[in-house]
PDB file of all heavy atoms in Angstrom:
ATOM      1  N   LEU A   1      17.948 -10.715   1.071  1.00  0.00           N
ATOM      2  CA  LEU A   1      17.371 -11.910   0.456  1.00  0.00           C
ATOM      3  C   LEU A   1      17.734 -11.998  -1.020  1.00  0.00           C
ATOM      4  O   LEU A   1      18.024 -13.085  -1.538  1.00  0.00           O
ATOM      5  CB  LEU A   1      15.849 -11.905   0.628  1.00  0.00           C
ATOM      6  CG  LEU A   1      15.329 -12.057   2.058  1.00  0.00           C
ATOM      7  CD1 LEU A   1      13.820 -11.846   2.098  1.00  0.00           C
ATOM      8  CD2 LEU A   1      15.686 -13.433   2.622  1.00  0.00           C
ATOM      9  N   GLN A   2      17.714 -10.856  -1.700  1.00  0.00           N
ATOM     10  CA  GLN A   2      18.085 -10.830  -3.114  1.00  0.00           C
ATOM     11  C   GLN A   2      19.555 -11.198  -3.284  1.00  0.00           C
ATOM     12  O   GLN A   2      19.915 -11.936  -4.214  1.00  0.00           O
ATOM     13  CB  GLN A   2      17.809  -9.444  -3.703  1.00  0.00           C
ATOM     14  CG  GLN A   2      16.341  -9.091  -3.810  1.00  0.00           C
ATOM     15  CD  GLN A   2      15.622  -9.924  -4.847  1.00  0.00           C
ATOM     16  OE1 GLN A   2      15.060 -10.980  -4.525  1.00  0.00           O
ATOM     17  NE2 GLN A   2      15.632  -9.464  -6.089  1.00  0.00           N
ATOM     18  N   TYR A   3      20.404 -10.686  -2.420  1.00  0.00           N
ATOM     19  CA  TYR A   3      21.833 -10.989  -2.493  1.00  0.00           C
ATOM     20  C   TYR A   3      22.076 -12.487  -2.348  1.00  0.00           C
ATOM     21  O   TYR A   3      22.923 -13.071  -3.042  1.00  0.00           O
ATOM     22  CB  TYR A   3      22.576 -10.216  -1.403  1.00  0.00           C
ATOM     23  CG  TYR A   3      24.048 -10.529  -1.317  1.00  0.00           C
ATOM     24  CD1 TYR A   3      24.952  -9.936  -2.193  1.00  0.00           C
ATOM     25  CD2 TYR A   3      24.534 -11.423  -0.363  1.00  0.00           C
ATOM     26  CE1 TYR A   3      26.312 -10.232  -2.122  1.00  0.00           C
ATOM     27  CE2 TYR A   3      25.881 -11.726  -0.287  1.00  0.00           C
ATOM     28  CZ  TYR A   3      26.765 -11.130  -1.170  1.00  0.00           C
ATOM     29  OH  TYR A   3      28.101 -11.428  -1.103  1.00  0.00           O
ATOM     30  N   LEU A   4      21.326 -13.122  -1.451  1.00  0.00           N
ATOM     31  CA  LEU A   4      21.493 -14.553  -1.224  1.00  0.00           C
ATOM     32  C   LEU A   4      20.756 -15.402  -2.261  1.00  0.00           C
ATOM     33  O   LEU A   4      20.940 -16.618  -2.312  1.00  0.00           O
ATOM     34  CB  LEU A   4      20.995 -14.922   0.175  1.00  0.00           C
ATOM     35  CG  LEU A   4      21.796 -14.348   1.352  1.00  0.00           C
ATOM     36  CD1 LEU A   4      21.103 -14.679   2.673  1.00  0.00           C
ATOM     37  CD2 LEU A   4      23.224 -14.874   1.349  1.00  0.00           C
ATOM     38  N   GLY A   5      19.915 -14.765  -3.057  1.00  0.00           N
ATOM     39  CA  GLY A   5      19.161 -15.500  -4.067  1.00  0.00           C
ATOM     40  C   GLY A   5      18.073 -16.383  -3.490  1.00  0.00           C
ATOM     41  O   GLY A   5      17.706 -17.396  -4.090  1.00  0.00           O
ATOM     42  N   ARG A   6      17.513 -16.007  -2.355  1.00  0.00           N
ATOM     43  CA  ARG A   6      16.490 -16.815  -1.693  1.00  0.00           C
ATOM     44  C   ARG A   6      15.090 -16.392  -2.124  1.00  0.00           C
ATOM     45  O   ARG A   6      14.818 -15.205  -2.330  1.00  0.00           O
ATOM     46  CB  ARG A   6      16.612 -16.700  -0.173  1.00  0.00           C
ATOM     47  CG  ARG A   6      17.964 -17.172   0.358  1.00  0.00           C
ATOM     48  CD  ARG A   6      18.220 -18.626   0.013  1.00  0.00           C
ATOM     49  NE  ARG A   6      19.540 -19.074   0.397  1.00  0.00           N
ATOM     50  CZ  ARG A   6      19.772 -20.173   1.113  1.00  0.00           C
ATOM     51  NH1 ARG A   6      18.761 -20.921   1.516  1.00  0.00           N
ATOM     52  NH2 ARG A   6      21.010 -20.518   1.403  1.00  0.00           N
ATOM     53  N   LYS A   7      14.198 -17.379  -2.230  1.00  0.00           N
ATOM     54  CA  LYS A   7      12.816 -17.120  -2.624  1.00  0.00           C
ATOM     55  C   LYS A   7      11.879 -17.865  -1.664  1.00  0.00           C
ATOM     56  O   LYS A   7      11.391 -18.953  -1.960  1.00  0.00           O
ATOM     57  CB  LYS A   7      12.577 -17.566  -4.070  1.00  0.00           C
ATOM     58  CG  LYS A   7      13.442 -16.824  -5.090  1.00  0.00           C
ATOM     59  CD  LYS A   7      13.182 -17.311  -6.501  1.00  0.00           C
ATOM     60  CE  LYS A   7      14.044 -16.553  -7.494  1.00  0.00           C
ATOM     61  NZ  LYS A   7      13.809 -17.028  -8.895  1.00  0.00           N
ATOM     62  N   PRO A   8      11.634 -17.272  -0.495  1.00  0.00           N
ATOM     63  CA  PRO A   8      10.805 -17.952   0.513  1.00  0.00           C
ATOM     64  C   PRO A   8       9.362 -18.090   0.067  1.00  0.00           C
ATOM     65  O   PRO A   8       8.802 -17.210  -0.579  1.00  0.00           O
ATOM     66  CB  PRO A   8      10.927 -17.037   1.734  1.00  0.00           C
ATOM     67  CG  PRO A   8      11.226 -15.691   1.151  1.00  0.00           C
ATOM     68  CD  PRO A   8      12.083 -15.946  -0.050  1.00  0.00           C
ATOM     69  N   GLY A   9       8.760 -19.210   0.453  1.00  0.00           N
ATOM     70  CA  GLY A   9       7.359 -19.448   0.108  1.00  0.00           C
ATOM     71  C   GLY A   9       6.399 -19.249   1.264  1.00  0.00           C
ATOM     72  O   GLY A   9       5.196 -19.069   1.046  1.00  0.00           O
ATOM     73  N   ARG A  10       6.924 -19.297   2.499  1.00  0.00           N
ATOM     74  CA  ARG A  10       6.104 -19.099   3.700  1.00  0.00           C
ATOM     75  C   ARG A  10       6.883 -18.198   4.648  1.00  0.00           C
ATOM     76  O   ARG A  10       8.012 -18.524   5.010  1.00  0.00           O
ATOM     77  CB  ARG A  10       5.783 -20.440   4.369  1.00  0.00           C
ATOM     78  CG  ARG A  10       5.005 -21.414   3.503  1.00  0.00           C
ATOM     79  CD  ARG A  10       5.105 -22.824   4.056  1.00  0.00           C
ATOM     80  NE  ARG A  10       6.508 -23.281   4.059  1.00  0.00           N
ATOM     81  CZ  ARG A  10       6.916 -24.423   4.623  1.00  0.00           C
ATOM     82  NH1 ARG A  10       6.053 -25.197   5.262  1.00  0.00           N
ATOM     83  NH2 ARG A  10       8.200 -24.762   4.572  1.00  0.00           N
ATOM     84  N   ILE A  11       6.288 -17.083   5.028  1.00  0.00           N
ATOM     85  CA  ILE A  11       7.011 -16.054   5.773  1.00  0.00           C
ATOM     86  C   ILE A  11       6.229 -15.656   7.016  1.00  0.00           C
ATOM     87  O   ILE A  11       5.010 -15.461   6.956  1.00  0.00           O
ATOM     88  CB  ILE A  11       7.242 -14.802   4.898  1.00  0.00           C
ATOM     89  CG1 ILE A  11       7.981 -15.164   3.604  1.00  0.00           C
ATOM     90  CG2 ILE A  11       8.012 -13.732   5.673  1.00  0.00           C
ATOM     91  CD1 ILE A  11       8.058 -14.016   2.610  1.00  0.00           C
ATOM     92  N   LEU A  12       6.937 -15.501   8.129  1.00  0.00           N
ATOM     93  CA  LEU A  12       6.381 -14.924   9.355  1.00  0.00           C
ATOM     94  C   LEU A  12       7.212 -13.705   9.712  1.00  0.00           C
ATOM     95  O   LEU A  12       8.439 -13.798   9.827  1.00  0.00           O
ATOM     96  CB  LEU A  12       6.432 -15.933  10.504  1.00  0.00           C
ATOM     97  CG  LEU A  12       6.185 -15.371  11.912  1.00  0.00           C
ATOM     98  CD1 LEU A  12       4.761 -14.837  12.047  1.00  0.00           C
ATOM     99  CD2 LEU A  12       6.467 -16.439  12.977  1.00  0.00           C
ATOM    100  N   GLU A  13       6.558 -12.561   9.889  1.00  0.00           N
ATOM    101  CA  GLU A  13       7.253 -11.375  10.371  1.00  0.00           C
ATOM    102  C   GLU A  13       6.755 -11.022  11.767  1.00  0.00           C
ATOM    103  O   GLU A  13       5.548 -10.876  11.998  1.00  0.00           O
ATOM    104  CB  GLU A  13       7.070 -10.166   9.453  1.00  0.00           C
ATOM    105  CG  GLU A  13       7.856  -8.963   9.955  1.00  0.00           C
ATOM    106  CD  GLU A  13       7.874  -7.780   9.006  1.00  0.00           C
ATOM    107  OE1 GLU A  13       7.125  -7.787   8.017  1.00  0.00           O
ATOM    108  OE2 GLU A  13       8.635  -6.822   9.276  1.00  0.00           O
ATOM    109  N   ILE A  14       7.685 -10.877  12.689  1.00  0.00           N
ATOM    110  CA  ILE A  14       7.396 -10.517  14.072  1.00  0.00           C
ATOM    111  C   ILE A  14       7.745  -9.048  14.241  1.00  0.00           C
ATOM    112  O   ILE A  14       8.884  -8.639  14.008  1.00  0.00           O
ATOM    113  CB  ILE A  14       8.215 -11.399  15.032  1.00  0.00           C
ATOM    114  CG1 ILE A  14       7.894 -12.882  14.780  1.00  0.00           C
ATOM    115  CG2 ILE A  14       7.927 -11.022  16.492  1.00  0.00           C
ATOM    116  CD1 ILE A  14       8.887 -13.839  15.405  1.00  0.00           C
ATOM    117  N   GLY A  15       6.748  -8.241  14.631  1.00  0.00           N
ATOM    118  CA  GLY A  15       6.911  -6.794  14.624  1.00  0.00           C
ATOM    119  C   GLY A  15       6.635  -6.260  13.237  1.00  0.00           C
ATOM    120  O   GLY A  15       7.414  -5.490  12.675  1.00  0.00           O
ATOM    121  N   CYS A  16       5.507  -6.660  12.669  1.00  0.00           N
ATOM    122  CA  CYS A  16       5.220  -6.408  11.253  1.00  0.00           C
ATOM    123  C   CYS A  16       4.506  -5.090  10.995  1.00  0.00           C
ATOM    124  O   CYS A  16       4.243  -4.758   9.829  1.00  0.00           O
ATOM    125  CB  CYS A  16       4.370  -7.553  10.686  1.00  0.00           C
ATOM    126  SG  CYS A  16       2.684  -7.639  11.357  1.00  0.00           S
ATOM    127  N   ALA A  17       4.150  -4.325  12.045  1.00  0.00           N
ATOM    128  CA  ALA A  17       3.329  -3.113  11.880  1.00  0.00           C
ATOM    129  C   ALA A  17       2.040  -3.509  11.154  1.00  0.00           C
ATOM    130  O   ALA A  17       1.357  -4.429  11.589  1.00  0.00           O
ATOM    131  CB  ALA A  17       4.098  -2.019  11.164  1.00  0.00           C
ATOM    132  N   ASN A  18       1.722  -2.852  10.045  1.00  0.00           N
ATOM    133  CA  ASN A  18       0.478  -3.192   9.332  1.00  0.00           C
ATOM    134  C   ASN A  18       0.700  -4.233   8.240  1.00  0.00           C
ATOM    135  O   ASN A  18      -0.210  -4.510   7.453  1.00  0.00           O
ATOM    136  CB  ASN A  18      -0.140  -1.933   8.723  1.00  0.00           C
ATOM    137  CG  ASN A  18       0.681  -1.381   7.556  1.00  0.00           C
ATOM    138  OD1 ASN A  18       1.850  -1.726   7.386  1.00  0.00           O
ATOM    139  ND2 ASN A  18       0.063  -0.522   6.765  1.00  0.00           N
ATOM    140  N   GLY A  19       1.912  -4.796   8.184  1.00  0.00           N
ATOM    141  CA  GLY A  19       2.194  -5.833   7.191  1.00  0.00           C
ATOM    142  C   GLY A  19       2.684  -5.308   5.859  1.00  0.00           C
ATOM    143  O   GLY A  19       2.680  -6.042   4.873  1.00  0.00           O
ATOM    144  N   TRP A  20       3.158  -4.064   5.822  1.00  0.00           N
ATOM    145  CA  TRP A  20       3.573  -3.468   4.542  1.00  0.00           C
ATOM    146  C   TRP A  20       4.663  -4.290   3.859  1.00  0.00           C
ATOM    147  O   TRP A  20       4.622  -4.503   2.639  1.00  0.00           O
ATOM    148  CB  TRP A  20       4.062  -2.033   4.756  1.00  0.00           C
ATOM    149  CG  TRP A  20       5.363  -1.948   5.506  1.00  0.00           C
ATOM    150  CD1 TRP A  20       5.540  -1.850   6.857  1.00  0.00           C
ATOM    151  CD2 TRP A  20       6.678  -2.003   4.926  1.00  0.00           C
ATOM    152  NE1 TRP A  20       6.876  -1.824   7.166  1.00  0.00           N
ATOM    153  CE2 TRP A  20       7.605  -1.920   5.996  1.00  0.00           C
ATOM    154  CE3 TRP A  20       7.167  -2.097   3.623  1.00  0.00           C
ATOM    155  CZ2 TRP A  20       8.971  -1.947   5.811  1.00  0.00           C
ATOM    156  CZ3 TRP A  20       8.535  -2.126   3.424  1.00  0.00           C
ATOM    157  CH2 TRP A  20       9.424  -2.045   4.514  1.00  0.00           C
ATOM    158  N   ARG A  21       5.653  -4.748   4.646  1.00  0.00           N
ATOM    159  CA  ARG A  21       6.733  -5.541   4.043  1.00  0.00           C
ATOM    160  C   ARG A  21       6.201  -6.891   3.574  1.00  0.00           C
ATOM    161  O   ARG A  21       6.530  -7.360   2.476  1.00  0.00           O
ATOM    162  CB  ARG A  21       7.865  -5.734   5.052  1.00  0.00           C
ATOM    163  CG  ARG A  21       9.021  -6.568   4.495  1.00  0.00           C
ATOM    164  CD  ARG A  21      10.103  -6.855   5.532  1.00  0.00           C
ATOM    165  NE  ARG A  21      10.921  -5.678   5.817  1.00  0.00           N
ATOM    166  CZ  ARG A  21      10.956  -5.059   6.979  1.00  0.00           C
ATOM    167  NH1 ARG A  21      10.183  -5.483   7.981  1.00  0.00           N
ATOM    168  NH2 ARG A  21      11.738  -4.010   7.170  1.00  0.00           N
ATOM    169  N   LEU A  22       5.389  -7.525   4.391  1.00  0.00           N
ATOM    170  CA  LEU A  22       4.831  -8.825   4.032  1.00  0.00           C
ATOM    171  C   LEU A  22       4.001  -8.749   2.758  1.00  0.00           C
ATOM    172  O   LEU A  22       4.066  -9.644   1.906  1.00  0.00           O
ATOM    173  CB  LEU A  22       3.962  -9.355   5.177  1.00  0.00           C
ATOM    174  CG  LEU A  22       4.693  -9.826   6.430  1.00  0.00           C
ATOM    175  CD1 LEU A  22       3.689 -10.124   7.535  1.00  0.00           C
ATOM    176  CD2 LEU A  22       5.542 -11.060   6.133  1.00  0.00           C
ATOM    177  N   ALA A  23       3.213  -7.686   2.627  1.00  0.00           N
ATOM    178  CA  ALA A  23       2.366  -7.554   1.439  1.00  0.00           C
ATOM    179  C   ALA A  23       3.208  -7.502   0.176  1.00  0.00           C
ATOM    180  O   ALA A  23       2.884  -8.137  -0.843  1.00  0.00           O
ATOM    181  CB  ALA A  23       1.496  -6.301   1.557  1.00  0.00           C
ATOM    182  N   GLN A  24       4.322  -6.781   0.236  1.00  0.00           N
ATOM    183  CA  GLN A  24       5.175  -6.666  -0.944  1.00  0.00           C
ATOM    184  C   GLN A  24       5.981  -7.941  -1.180  1.00  0.00           C
ATOM    185  O   GLN A  24       6.219  -8.336  -2.325  1.00  0.00           O
ATOM    186  CB  GLN A  24       6.080  -5.451  -0.803  1.00  0.00           C
ATOM    187  CG  GLN A  24       5.288  -4.141  -0.787  1.00  0.00           C
ATOM    188  CD  GLN A  24       6.171  -2.920  -0.677  1.00  0.00           C
ATOM    189  OE1 GLN A  24       7.062  -2.702  -1.497  1.00  0.00           O
ATOM    190  NE2 GLN A  24       5.931  -2.108   0.351  1.00  0.00           N
TER     191      GLN A  24
END
């Protein structure tokens, strides 16, 4: 995402475990 320069405002993660990636 950083390489592409994208800044998403609404995110869905499928297979998120406890949401560690989403939280960050």
